[in-house]
Amino acid sequence: MQRNSRYRNCPLCGGALAQKQVKEGERKRLVCTHCGFVFYIDPKIAACTLIEIDGGIVLLKRGIPPAVGSWVLPGGFVDLGETVPEAAAREAREEVSLEVETGALVGVYSYKESSVIVVVYEAVATGGKLQAADETLEVKLYSPREIPWGKIAFTSTRDALGDYLRRYYPGLRFPAAH
């Protein structure tokens, strides 16, 4: 995804931004033609939890774009001032009404075509009641054999589920990642 084309003005002085080579061997960057500020377009970080309760994996049906109506792990963007595990726990609380304790890292997922880096943790529910909450149409526990692979929203969700299942359910067959 080419995000540079969205920005036209310098956030410091309002001058016009132009694509320029800042360092030899690197890609072109947005540079202010007035003050010289280099506007680096960095990825966003999302934090997710993979929560297993009584043999079922918590998935939620998205109620917001992109991919409304598709299934994902509880998660969302990390806010400035919070750690990635704190963001993962906050998102579980906000989306599926569970208090969780984050545990082992499932994986870190990044793709050339995406501006988001996704960090997924195993988590244990420590309180709350599993129910659809903010930005969520439905929440469900899926056994590893019942995961709706054809209705999963994002490659990162598919990849994280695959990594988790290979780790804890080594004999289980499921669709290969794309």
Foldseek 3Di string as FASTA:
>chain_A
DDPQVVDAADPPPRAGWDFDDPDPPDGTFTAGPPPGDTDDQAFWEKEFEFEADPQFTKWFQFQDDDQHRFIFTQMDTDDPPDDRQVRHQVSCCAAFNFRKDWDAWLDWDDDPVHRYIYTYTYIYTDDTDGFGHPRTDTMDTHRLVGPPVVRHDDLVRVVSSVSVCCVPVVVDDDDDRD
